[in-house]
Protein backbone atom coordinates (compact mmCIF):
# COMPACT_ATOMS: atom_id res chain seq x y z
CA MET A 1 -18.05 -100.99 -13.34
CA ARG A 2 -20.14 -98.32 -15.04
CA ALA A 3 -20.81 -100.63 -17.98
CA ALA A 4 -22.08 -103.33 -15.61
CA THR A 5 -24.30 -100.80 -13.89
CA ASP A 6 -25.73 -99.66 -17.22
CA VAL A 7 -26.49 -103.25 -18.19
CA ALA A 8 -28.25 -103.81 -14.84
CA VAL A 9 -30.33 -100.66 -15.30
CA ARG A 10 -31.36 -101.67 -18.81
CA GLY A 11 -32.25 -105.13 -17.56
CA ALA A 12 -34.39 -103.67 -14.79
CA ARG A 13 -36.22 -101.46 -17.27
CA LEU A 14 -36.89 -104.40 -19.58
CA LEU A 15 -38.20 -106.33 -16.58
CA LEU A 16 -40.60 -103.51 -15.72
CA TRP A 17 -41.91 -103.17 -19.25
CA GLY A 18 -42.14 -106.93 -19.65
CA GLY A 19 -44.00 -107.39 -16.36
CA ALA A 20 -46.50 -104.64 -17.17
CA LEU A 21 -47.04 -106.06 -20.65
CA LEU A 22 -47.66 -109.55 -19.30
CA LEU A 23 -50.28 -108.24 -16.89
CA LEU A 24 -51.99 -106.35 -19.71
CA ILE A 25 -52.01 -109.48 -21.87
CA LEU A 26 -53.53 -111.38 -18.95
CA LEU A 27 -56.24 -108.75 -18.55
CA VAL A 28 -57.04 -108.82 -22.27
CA ALA A 29 -57.39 -112.60 -22.05
CA VAL A 30 -59.66 -112.16 -19.03
CA ILE A 31 -61.84 -109.78 -21.07
CA ALA A 32 -62.26 -112.48 -23.70
CA ARG A 33 -63.57 -114.86 -21.02
CA LEU A 34 -65.42 -112.14 -19.01
CA PRO A 35 -65.75 -114.03 -15.70
CA TRP A 36 -68.96 -113.28 -13.85
CA ALA A 37 -68.95 -112.22 -10.22
CA GLY A 38 -70.33 -109.34 -8.21
CA ASP A 39 -72.27 -106.62 -10.02
CA LEU A 40 -71.87 -107.74 -13.64
CA GLY A 41 -75.55 -108.71 -13.76
CA VAL A 42 -76.90 -105.27 -12.93
CA HIS A 43 -74.69 -103.62 -15.56
CA ALA A 44 -75.79 -106.15 -18.17
CA ALA A 45 -79.42 -105.54 -17.19
CA THR A 46 -78.91 -101.79 -17.57
CA ILE A 47 -77.69 -102.27 -21.14
CA GLU A 48 -80.65 -104.58 -21.85
CA ARG A 49 -83.15 -101.93 -20.72
CA LEU A 50 -81.45 -99.18 -22.71
CA ARG A 51 -81.28 -101.39 -25.78
CA HIS A 52 -85.07 -101.65 -25.70
CA ASP A 53 -85.85 -98.06 -24.67
CA LEU A 54 -83.25 -95.30 -24.61
CA ILE A 55 -85.66 -92.63 -23.41
CA ASP A 56 -87.63 -94.32 -20.63
CA PRO A 57 -85.90 -97.61 -19.76
CA GLY A 58 -87.49 -98.05 -16.33
CA ASN A 59 -85.94 -99.93 -13.45
CA PRO A 60 -83.15 -102.25 -14.67
CA LEU A 61 -83.96 -105.09 -12.23
CA VAL A 62 -87.71 -105.15 -11.56
CA ASP A 63 -90.79 -104.30 -13.60
CA ALA A 64 -91.26 -100.75 -12.32
CA ASN A 65 -91.03 -97.32 -13.88
CA THR A 66 -88.41 -95.71 -11.62
CA PRO A 67 -85.16 -93.80 -12.22
CA SER A 68 -81.85 -95.49 -11.54
CA PRO A 69 -78.29 -94.26 -10.91
CA TYR A 70 -77.09 -97.04 -13.19
CA TYR A 71 -78.29 -94.99 -16.17
CA SER A 72 -75.09 -93.00 -16.50
CA PRO A 73 -73.57 -91.32 -19.56
CA TRP A 74 -71.25 -94.29 -20.07
CA MET A 75 -74.04 -96.86 -19.84
CA LEU A 76 -76.20 -94.74 -22.14
CA LEU A 77 -73.40 -94.83 -24.73
CA LEU A 78 -73.13 -98.61 -24.35
CA GLY A 79 -76.90 -98.92 -24.66
CA CYS A 80 -76.79 -96.93 -27.88
CA LEU A 81 -74.03 -99.21 -29.16
CA ALA A 82 -76.15 -102.27 -28.38
CA LYS A 83 -79.25 -100.78 -30.01
CA VAL A 84 -77.53 -99.57 -33.18
CA THR A 85 -75.26 -102.57 -33.81
CA GLY A 86 -77.41 -105.37 -32.42
CA LEU A 87 -74.41 -106.73 -30.54
CA GLY A 88 -75.17 -109.03 -27.62
CA THR A 89 -75.10 -107.51 -24.16
CA PHE A 90 -72.04 -109.48 -23.06
CA VAL A 91 -70.22 -108.51 -26.26
CA VAL A 92 -70.96 -104.87 -25.45
CA LEU A 93 -69.61 -105.42 -21.94
CA ARG A 94 -66.39 -106.74 -23.47
CA VAL A 95 -66.18 -103.57 -25.57
CA ALA A 96 -66.65 -101.60 -22.36
CA ALA A 97 -63.86 -103.60 -20.71
CA VAL A 98 -61.43 -102.91 -23.56
CA ALA A 99 -62.28 -99.21 -23.46
CA GLY A 100 -61.94 -99.10 -19.66
CA LEU A 101 -58.57 -100.85 -19.74
CA ALA A 102 -57.30 -98.53 -22.49
CA LEU A 103 -58.43 -95.46 -20.52
CA LEU A 104 -56.81 -96.79 -17.37
CA VAL A 105 -53.44 -97.58 -18.92
CA THR A 106 -53.19 -94.33 -20.88
CA GLY A 107 -54.45 -92.36 -17.88
CA VAL A 108 -51.78 -93.81 -15.59
CA TRP A 109 -49.16 -93.07 -18.23
CA ASN A 110 -50.33 -89.45 -18.61
CA LEU A 111 -50.45 -88.78 -14.89
CA VAL A 112 -47.06 -90.33 -14.14
CA ARG A 113 -45.50 -88.26 -16.92
CA THR A 114 -46.58 -85.10 -15.11
CA PHE A 115 -44.50 -86.21 -12.10
CA SER A 116 -41.49 -87.84 -13.78
CA THR A 117 -39.70 -87.79 -17.12
CA ARG A 118 -38.39 -91.32 -16.56
CA ARG A 119 -40.13 -93.53 -19.11
CA ALA A 120 -39.87 -96.64 -16.94
CA ALA A 121 -41.82 -94.91 -14.15
CA ALA A 122 -45.12 -95.54 -15.95
CA PRO A 123 -44.90 -99.36 -16.16
CA LEU A 124 -43.67 -99.53 -12.56
CA ALA A 125 -46.63 -97.36 -11.50
CA LEU A 126 -48.99 -99.75 -13.28
CA LEU A 127 -47.39 -102.72 -11.52
CA CYS A 128 -47.77 -100.96 -8.17
CA LEU A 129 -51.44 -100.13 -8.81
CA LEU A 130 -52.20 -103.76 -9.70
CA LEU A 131 -49.98 -105.66 -7.24
CA LEU A 132 -49.13 -103.46 -4.25
CA TRP A 133 -52.08 -104.39 -2.04
CA GLY A 134 -51.80 -106.98 0.70
CA PRO A 135 -51.02 -110.61 1.49
CA SER A 136 -54.75 -111.43 1.57
CA LEU A 137 -56.95 -111.25 -1.51
CA PHE A 138 -59.36 -108.31 -1.70
CA ASN A 139 -61.93 -107.73 -4.44
CA TRP A 140 -64.20 -104.70 -4.72
CA SER A 141 -65.45 -102.48 -7.49
CA GLY A 142 -63.32 -99.35 -7.80
CA PHE A 143 -60.22 -101.01 -6.30
CA LEU A 144 -57.44 -101.71 -8.78
CA GLY A 145 -55.91 -104.93 -7.47
CA LEU A 146 -55.23 -107.36 -10.32
CA ASN A 147 -57.80 -109.95 -9.25
CA SER A 148 -60.34 -107.27 -8.42
CA LEU A 149 -59.82 -105.57 -11.78
CA ALA A 150 -60.14 -108.88 -13.61
CA LEU A 151 -63.65 -109.27 -12.18
CA THR A 152 -64.72 -105.62 -12.55
CA ILE A 153 -62.93 -104.55 -15.72
CA SER A 154 -66.20 -104.10 -17.63
CA TYR A 155 -67.83 -102.11 -14.80
CA PRO A 156 -68.45 -98.35 -14.94
CA SER A 157 -66.02 -98.00 -12.01
CA THR A 158 -63.10 -98.99 -14.29
CA PHE A 159 -64.20 -96.51 -16.94
CA ALA A 160 -64.55 -93.81 -14.27
CA LEU A 161 -61.13 -94.55 -12.76
CA GLY A 162 -59.49 -94.40 -16.19
CA LEU A 163 -61.12 -91.02 -16.82
CA SER A 164 -60.01 -89.88 -13.35
CA PHE A 165 -56.34 -90.45 -14.14
CA HIS A 166 -56.77 -88.43 -17.32
CA LEU A 167 -58.60 -85.71 -15.37
CA TRP A 168 -55.78 -85.39 -12.82
CA ALA A 169 -53.08 -85.35 -15.50
CA SER A 170 -54.91 -82.79 -17.64
CA LEU A 171 -55.60 -80.60 -14.63
CA ARG A 172 -51.93 -80.57 -13.62
CA ARG A 173 -50.96 -79.50 -17.11
CA ALA A 174 -53.72 -76.90 -17.29
CA LEU A 175 -52.68 -75.35 -13.97
CA ARG A 176 -49.02 -75.38 -14.91
CA SER A 177 -49.58 -73.71 -18.30
CA ALA A 178 -52.44 -71.41 -17.19
CA SER A 179 -54.70 -72.82 -19.91
CA GLY A 180 -57.69 -70.95 -21.24
CA LEU A 181 -61.31 -71.20 -20.16
CA PRO A 182 -62.32 -73.87 -22.74
CA VAL A 183 -59.81 -76.30 -21.24
CA PHE A 184 -61.20 -75.87 -17.74
CA LEU A 185 -64.77 -76.16 -19.01
CA GLY A 186 -63.79 -79.45 -20.62
CA LEU A 187 -62.30 -80.63 -17.33
CA GLY A 188 -65.52 -79.69 -15.52
CA LEU A 189 -67.53 -81.71 -18.02
CA LEU A 190 -65.17 -84.67 -17.56
CA TRP A 191 -65.56 -84.42 -13.77
CA SER A 192 -69.36 -84.55 -14.05
CA VAL A 193 -69.24 -87.61 -16.33
CA ILE A 194 -67.09 -89.43 -13.76
CA LEU A 195 -69.49 -88.56 -10.93
CA LEU A 196 -72.54 -89.63 -12.92
CA SER A 197 -70.90 -92.87 -14.10
CA HIS A 198 -69.69 -94.14 -10.71
CA GLN A 199 -70.46 -91.98 -7.73
CA PHE A 200 -67.90 -93.46 -5.32
CA THR A 201 -65.12 -93.10 -7.88
CA GLY A 202 -66.37 -89.57 -8.46
CA VAL A 203 -65.58 -88.75 -4.82
CA VAL A 204 -62.08 -90.19 -5.28
CA ALA A 205 -61.68 -88.13 -8.46
CA SER A 206 -62.84 -84.99 -6.61
CA PHE A 207 -60.28 -85.51 -3.84
CA GLY A 208 -57.62 -85.93 -6.51
CA VAL A 209 -58.69 -82.68 -8.18
CA LEU A 210 -58.50 -80.83 -4.86
CA ALA A 211 -55.06 -82.28 -4.18
CA MET A 212 -53.73 -81.27 -7.61
CA VAL A 213 -54.95 -77.71 -7.07
CA LEU A 214 -53.60 -77.38 -3.52
CA GLY A 215 -50.27 -78.87 -4.58
CA ALA A 216 -49.87 -76.85 -7.78
CA ARG A 217 -46.58 -75.02 -8.24
CA PRO A 218 -46.56 -72.16 -8.92
CA TRP A 219 -49.77 -71.35 -7.06
CA PRO A 220 -52.52 -70.69 -9.65
CA SER A 221 -53.24 -67.05 -10.39
CA ARG A 222 -56.61 -65.50 -9.69
CA THR A 223 -57.51 -65.73 -13.37
CA VAL A 224 -56.73 -69.45 -13.47
CA LEU A 225 -58.76 -70.05 -10.30
CA LEU A 226 -61.72 -68.24 -11.88
CA ARG A 227 -61.44 -70.46 -14.95
CA LEU A 228 -61.30 -73.47 -12.65
CA GLY A 229 -64.45 -72.19 -10.97
CA GLY A 230 -66.11 -71.94 -14.38
CA GLY A 231 -65.32 -75.61 -15.02
CA LEU A 232 -66.73 -76.52 -11.61
CA ALA A 233 -69.92 -74.58 -12.35
CA LEU A 234 -70.39 -76.34 -15.68
CA GLY A 235 -69.91 -79.70 -14.00
CA LEU A 236 -72.57 -78.87 -11.41
CA VAL A 237 -74.99 -77.81 -14.14
CA VAL A 238 -74.53 -81.16 -15.89
CA LEU A 239 -75.12 -83.00 -12.61
CA LEU A 240 -78.31 -81.03 -12.04
CA ALA A 241 -79.55 -81.47 -15.60
CA TRP A 242 -78.89 -85.21 -16.03
CA PRO A 243 -82.34 -86.60 -16.92
CA TYR A 244 -82.07 -90.28 -15.96
CA TYR A 245 -81.79 -89.84 -12.19
CA SER A 246 -81.35 -87.08 -9.64
CA PHE A 247 -77.69 -87.08 -8.68
CA PHE A 248 -78.16 -84.97 -5.58
CA ASP A 249 -80.88 -87.27 -4.24
CA LEU A 250 -78.08 -89.77 -3.63
CA PHE A 251 -76.92 -87.67 -0.69
CA GLY A 252 -80.06 -88.71 1.16
CA VAL A 253 -79.52 -92.43 0.64
CA SER A 254 -79.10 -94.54 3.77
CA GLY A 255 -78.74 -98.24 4.46
CA LEU A 256 -75.32 -98.71 2.86
CA GLU A 257 -73.30 -99.00 6.05
CA GLU A 258 -73.55 -102.73 6.78
CA ILE A 259 -72.66 -103.62 3.19
CA HIS A 260 -69.43 -101.63 3.46
CA ARG A 261 -68.46 -102.63 6.99
CA SER A 262 -66.05 -105.25 5.62
CA LEU A 263 -63.92 -102.46 4.12
CA TYR A 264 -62.72 -101.76 7.67
CA ARG A 265 -61.81 -105.36 8.48
CA HIS A 266 -58.38 -107.01 8.00
CA LEU A 267 -56.76 -103.76 6.85
CA LEU A 268 -53.19 -105.05 7.06
CA GLY A 269 -54.10 -108.26 5.28
CA HIS A 270 -55.86 -106.46 2.45
CA PHE A 271 -53.68 -103.34 2.13
CA GLY A 272 -50.52 -103.91 4.18
CA LEU A 273 -48.11 -103.78 1.23
CA VAL A 274 -49.24 -100.20 0.54
CA LEU A 275 -47.20 -99.17 3.60
CA VAL A 276 -44.19 -99.18 1.26
CA GLY A 277 -45.93 -96.39 -0.62
CA VAL A 278 -46.76 -94.58 2.61
CA ALA A 279 -43.03 -94.52 3.39
CA ALA A 280 -42.44 -93.04 -0.08
CA LEU A 281 -45.05 -90.38 0.64
CA ALA A 282 -43.22 -89.47 3.86
CA LEU A 283 -40.04 -88.91 1.83
CA ARG A 284 -41.94 -86.79 -0.67
CA TRP A 285 -43.42 -84.73 2.16
CA ARG A 286 -39.91 -84.03 3.51
CA ARG A 287 -38.97 -82.64 0.11
CA ASP A 288 -42.20 -80.74 -0.55
CA ARG A 289 -44.80 -79.86 2.09
CA ARG A 290 -47.38 -79.29 -0.66
CA ASP A 291 -46.73 -82.43 -2.67
CA PRO A 292 -50.05 -83.25 -4.42
CA LEU A 293 -49.74 -86.99 -3.85
CA VAL A 294 -49.25 -86.42 -0.13
CA ILE A 295 -52.29 -84.12 0.00
CA PHE A 296 -54.32 -86.64 -1.99
CA PHE A 297 -53.37 -89.41 0.46
CA VAL A 298 -54.19 -87.29 3.52
CA LEU A 299 -57.63 -86.38 2.16
CA GLY A 300 -58.47 -90.00 1.44
CA ALA A 301 -57.07 -91.32 4.72
CA LEU A 302 -58.95 -88.72 6.79
CA MET A 303 -62.24 -89.52 5.05
CA PHE A 304 -61.71 -93.24 5.48
CA ALA A 305 -60.85 -92.82 9.18
CA ALA A 306 -63.86 -90.56 9.73
CA GLY A 307 -66.12 -93.23 8.25
CA GLY A 308 -64.75 -95.90 10.56
CA LEU A 309 -64.98 -93.73 13.66
CA SER A 310 -68.49 -92.46 12.95
CA GLY A 311 -70.00 -95.70 11.69
CA HIS A 312 -70.48 -94.32 8.17
CA TYR A 313 -68.82 -97.36 6.63
CA SER A 314 -69.87 -96.43 3.10
CA TRP A 315 -67.27 -93.66 3.33
CA GLY A 316 -64.75 -96.47 3.12
CA ARG A 317 -65.31 -96.50 -0.64
CA VAL A 318 -63.07 -93.43 -0.74
CA LEU A 319 -60.10 -95.59 0.31
CA PRO A 320 -58.63 -95.60 -3.25
CA ALA A 321 -57.99 -91.88 -2.67
CA ALA A 322 -55.38 -92.99 -0.11
CA LEU A 323 -54.18 -96.14 -1.89
CA ILE A 324 -53.61 -94.70 -5.37
CA PRO A 325 -51.27 -91.83 -4.33
CA ALA A 326 -49.30 -94.22 -2.10
CA GLN A 327 -48.91 -96.74 -4.91
CA LEU A 328 -47.86 -94.02 -7.36
CA ALA A 329 -45.42 -92.57 -4.82
CA ALA A 330 -43.79 -95.98 -4.39
CA ALA A 331 -43.15 -96.22 -8.12
CA LEU A 332 -41.90 -92.63 -8.44
CA GLU A 333 -39.58 -92.91 -5.46
CA VAL A 334 -37.49 -95.56 -7.21
CA PHE A 335 -36.56 -92.98 -9.85
CA GLU A 336 -36.84 -89.71 -7.95
CA ALA A 337 -35.41 -90.42 -4.47
CA GLY A 338 -32.57 -88.10 -3.76
CA ARG A 339 -32.62 -86.45 -7.20
CA ARG A 340 -33.28 -82.94 -5.91
CA ALA A 341 -30.84 -83.31 -3.08
CA ARG A 342 -28.07 -84.41 -5.44
CA VAL A 343 -28.72 -81.42 -7.65
CA ARG A 344 -28.38 -79.08 -4.68
CA ARG A 345 -25.29 -80.85 -3.34
CA ALA A 346 -23.72 -81.96 -6.58
CA GLY A 347 -20.21 -81.50 -5.17
CA VAL A 348 -20.64 -83.85 -2.24
CA GLN A 349 -19.72 -87.29 -3.53
CA ARG A 350 -20.49 -89.04 -0.24
CA ALA A 351 -24.07 -87.74 -0.23
CA GLU A 352 -24.57 -89.03 -3.76
CA VAL A 353 -23.35 -92.50 -2.85
CA HIS A 354 -25.50 -92.58 0.29
CA ARG A 355 -28.67 -91.51 -1.53
CA ALA A 356 -28.04 -93.89 -4.45
CA GLY A 357 -27.70 -96.72 -1.95
CA GLY A 358 -30.93 -95.70 -0.26
CA ARG A 359 -32.71 -95.69 -3.58
CA ARG A 360 -31.46 -99.20 -4.39
CA LEU A 361 -32.60 -100.39 -0.96
CA PHE A 362 -36.05 -98.91 -1.50
CA ALA A 363 -36.26 -100.49 -4.96
CA GLY A 364 -35.39 -103.85 -3.44
CA VAL A 365 -38.07 -103.58 -0.75
CA LEU A 366 -40.64 -102.50 -3.36
CA GLY A 367 -39.65 -105.38 -5.64
CA LEU A 368 -40.15 -107.86 -2.80
CA ALA A 369 -43.54 -106.34 -1.95
CA LEU A 370 -44.61 -106.61 -5.60
CA LEU A 371 -43.65 -110.28 -5.66
CA VAL A 372 -45.75 -110.91 -2.54
CA GLY A 373 -48.66 -109.05 -4.14
CA ALA A 374 -48.29 -111.02 -7.36
CA TRP A 375 -48.36 -114.33 -5.47
CA THR A 376 -51.45 -113.24 -3.54
CA GLN A 377 -53.29 -112.58 -6.80
CA VAL A 378 -51.83 -115.42 -8.88
CA GLY A 379 -55.25 -117.11 -8.86
CA THR A 380 -56.25 -114.60 -11.55
CA LEU A 381 -54.60 -117.00 -13.99
CA GLY A 382 -57.53 -119.34 -13.39
CA TYR A 383 -59.81 -117.02 -15.34
CA VAL A 384 -57.90 -117.78 -18.55
CA ILE A 385 -56.26 -121.17 -17.85
CA PRO A 386 -58.33 -124.22 -16.87
CA LYS A 387 -57.93 -124.98 -13.18
CA ARG A 388 -56.81 -128.53 -13.92
CA ASP A 389 -53.81 -127.17 -15.85
CA LEU A 390 -52.62 -124.89 -13.03
CA PRO A 391 -50.08 -125.93 -10.39
CA SER A 392 -51.91 -127.07 -7.27
CA ARG A 393 -50.76 -124.11 -5.15
CA VAL A 394 -51.90 -121.67 -7.83
CA ALA A 395 -55.20 -123.49 -8.38
CA ALA A 396 -55.87 -123.24 -4.63
CA LYS A 397 -55.92 -119.44 -4.96
CA TYR A 398 -58.43 -119.48 -7.82
CA LYS A 399 -62.07 -118.67 -7.05
CA ALA A 400 -64.50 -119.87 -9.68
CA PRO A 401 -66.83 -117.21 -11.16
CA TRP A 402 -70.60 -117.51 -11.27
CA ALA A 403 -72.25 -119.72 -13.87
CA GLY A 404 -74.94 -117.32 -15.08
CA TYR A 405 -78.52 -118.01 -16.14
CA GLN A 406 -78.46 -118.40 -19.90
CA TRP A 407 -79.93 -121.82 -19.29
CA ILE A 408 -83.33 -120.36 -18.34
CA MET A 409 -83.45 -118.36 -21.57
CA ASP A 410 -82.72 -121.52 -23.54
CA ARG A 411 -85.78 -123.11 -21.89
CA GLY A 412 -88.31 -120.45 -22.86
CA VAL A 413 -87.95 -117.45 -20.55
CA ARG A 414 -88.26 -114.21 -22.55
CA TYR A 415 -87.36 -110.54 -22.21
CA GLY A 416 -89.67 -108.76 -19.76
CA ASP A 417 -90.96 -111.93 -18.07
CA VAL A 418 -91.08 -111.73 -14.26
CA VAL A 419 -89.19 -114.45 -12.37
CA MET A 420 -89.62 -115.36 -8.71
CA ALA A 421 -86.18 -116.10 -7.25
CA LYS A 422 -84.13 -115.55 -4.13
CA THR A 423 -81.35 -112.94 -3.89
CA PHE A 424 -78.44 -114.78 -5.51
CA PRO A 425 -80.28 -115.74 -8.72
CA ALA A 426 -81.90 -112.29 -8.73
CA ARG A 427 -78.44 -110.75 -9.09
CA GLN A 428 -77.97 -112.50 -12.43
CA ILE A 429 -81.32 -113.19 -14.09
CA PRO A 430 -82.07 -109.56 -15.17
CA ALA A 431 -78.80 -109.58 -17.15
CA TYR A 432 -80.60 -111.59 -19.83
CA GLY A 433 -83.73 -109.42 -20.02
CA PRO A 434 -86.26 -110.84 -17.53
CA TYR A 435 -87.22 -109.04 -14.34
CA THR A 436 -87.27 -110.46 -10.84
CA VAL A 437 -89.88 -109.77 -8.18
CA ALA A 438 -87.35 -108.13 -5.85
CA PRO A 439 -84.02 -106.56 -6.83
CA GLY A 440 -80.90 -108.57 -6.15
CA TYR A 441 -79.10 -105.36 -5.16
CA PRO A 442 -80.21 -102.46 -2.95
CA ASP A 443 -82.25 -99.99 -4.98
CA PHE A 444 -82.94 -96.79 -3.11
CA PHE A 445 -84.95 -95.29 -5.98
CA LEU A 446 -87.48 -98.15 -5.75
CA PRO A 447 -90.21 -97.03 -3.30
CA ASP A 448 -91.67 -100.51 -2.74
CA GLN A 449 -88.31 -102.28 -2.42
CA GLN A 450 -88.98 -103.60 1.08
CA ARG A 451 -92.47 -104.78 0.15
CA ARG A 452 -91.02 -106.73 -2.77
CA LEU A 453 -88.31 -108.28 -0.56
CA ASP A 454 -90.96 -109.25 1.99
CA ALA A 455 -93.06 -110.83 -0.78
CA VAL A 456 -90.15 -113.01 -1.92
CA ASN A 457 -89.39 -114.03 1.65
CA ARG A 458 -93.05 -114.84 2.26
CA TYR A 459 -93.31 -116.95 -0.91
CA PHE A 460 -90.35 -119.13 0.06
CA ALA A 461 -91.02 -119.21 3.83
CA ALA A 462 -91.89 -122.63 5.27
CA GLY A 463 -95.02 -121.48 7.09
CA THR A 464 -96.68 -119.62 4.21
CA SER A 465 -99.98 -121.06 2.96
CA ARG A 466 -100.55 -122.03 -0.66
CA ALA A 467 -103.13 -119.26 -1.05
CA GLU A 468 -100.63 -116.63 0.11
CA ARG A 469 -97.99 -117.91 -2.30
CA LEU A 470 -100.44 -117.79 -5.19
CA GLU A 471 -101.42 -114.26 -4.21
CA VAL A 472 -97.76 -113.16 -4.40
CA LEU A 473 -97.39 -114.72 -7.84
CA ARG A 474 -100.56 -112.98 -9.07
CA ARG A 475 -99.68 -109.59 -7.59
CA TYR A 476 -96.34 -109.40 -9.38
CA GLU A 477 -97.52 -111.21 -12.55
CA VAL A 478 -94.87 -113.89 -12.10
CA ARG A 479 -94.36 -116.15 -15.14
CA TRP A 480 -91.49 -118.30 -13.87
CA VAL A 481 -90.01 -119.59 -10.62
CA VAL A 482 -86.31 -120.44 -10.15
CA ALA A 483 -85.45 -122.30 -6.98
CA TYR A 484 -82.76 -124.48 -5.47
CA PRO A 485 -83.81 -127.75 -3.81
CA GLY A 486 -84.92 -126.86 -0.31
CA ASP A 487 -85.63 -123.19 -1.09
CA GLY A 488 -89.31 -123.65 -0.29
CA GLY A 489 -92.26 -122.16 -2.12
CA LEU A 490 -94.90 -124.13 -3.99
CA SER A 491 -94.05 -127.81 -4.28
CA ALA A 492 -92.80 -129.19 -7.59
CA GLY A 493 -96.05 -131.07 -8.06
CA ASP A 494 -98.34 -128.11 -7.43
CA PRO A 495 -100.92 -127.67 -10.25
CA ALA A 496 -100.00 -123.96 -10.52
CA LEU A 497 -96.48 -124.89 -11.67
CA ARG A 498 -95.11 -126.81 -14.63
CA TRP A 499 -91.61 -128.31 -14.36
CA VAL A 500 -89.48 -127.04 -17.26
CA GLY A 501 -85.88 -128.04 -16.58
CA GLU A 502 -82.91 -128.25 -14.26
CA GLY A 503 -79.93 -125.90 -14.09
CA PRO A 504 -76.58 -125.90 -12.28
CA LYS A 505 -76.49 -127.30 -8.75
CA GLY A 506 -79.96 -128.74 -9.05
CA GLN A 507 -81.83 -125.48 -9.58
CA GLY A 508 -85.28 -125.95 -10.99
CA LEU A 509 -87.14 -123.80 -13.52
CA PHE A 510 -90.94 -123.83 -13.24
CA GLU A 511 -93.51 -122.10 -15.41
CA VAL A 512 -96.49 -120.57 -13.63
CA VAL A 513 -99.54 -122.02 -15.37
CA GLY A 514 -102.41 -121.58 -12.89
């Protein structure tokens, strides 16, 4: 009987390692393809600007000399890589994706090892972070679902999350061993890099730091707390001194609420499977009222709830601070449930049997939830396997990425040219070097953002006169126009435009010649 049990345990461990390895192979294959959706264009544009001018790159999206929060330490490093090596922007983004994935995997491993000595806990934690979400697909930068990560793996949010896991793990070790001041200064520097690289993830990282401190056992001595304060002070100095944008000006930004309202919709559909992890957190809380994962979850959940109740929907971006500890707790509970109780009551055979049975039951429920999560996100295979080769039910879950705008560069558009286009093309065109009249994404450091948006709307509006359209083109020194059929604007036969070529879905490229 014991031999059969040992074989089953070894088989389960191989299954965990094999599953985690398969997902990592899938993500590496996705990096090779680098599917385009969401914010990839603005990150590519940021690298393009830094490649041409590391000191004063200007606005990444429009031809204006303004600061931008996209100019972070991580993007500066990638810009340097592009400038020194001459690598293409999308090659550099693939390098960023590989680095982000490596940081994420090693960070999860390091953090889990501070909670459990069981080697199989780390791959199970990775599976939970990628698959334990909900029965409905959810994609957003800074959220680690498999499909979401496939689309955002080259983003600064992935880099920042990977660093965050390392920050939490290193902090736990530093508190436990009462490390010296240099260690805490290094942690403070790491914290500032995370905040500068992706501000929303920086808030999540900060909640995690607070949770690790409040849950530290033994409670840190006064000397250790002073060293921790020194690290915090250094981090604040770096935030204040960062030259590419004013970090603390971000606290005055408004207008983000409607964009983030969807974070509060369909919560059970998007995140319902995480309730398995919430149950694991409840068990951890029964064993330890100061469990750091429980504190982490409470901080994130309270912030998320406060955002929903107050209408500050952008606060919903802190939701990973509740999801990550729940997902980690679910993985740890499979190995840790009942361990302390059995140590304390080692002579009570019935208690051991009961708790072992409970652990197997929990593992079964978690396994089922992971299968549901995997099926929800199985469309990720479409990013590496042609849709026609996928089973029909899998292909139905695949969402095609964006096509991009390399085609306009092949037809004569050059770096620095200004292109008139509506919002969707404007989210991609700057990735190749040109500017657009108005930014495709909200830019709160751009003082004339609304005037630019109004100009684009006026150019394409049905009732605008030809003279007004020409005035808009002159004011913003527009060299090219990209438009779908029916978008409006100057007619194809207007003498001020020269037809150049056609792109996907009938888009037209026109050169401004008048």
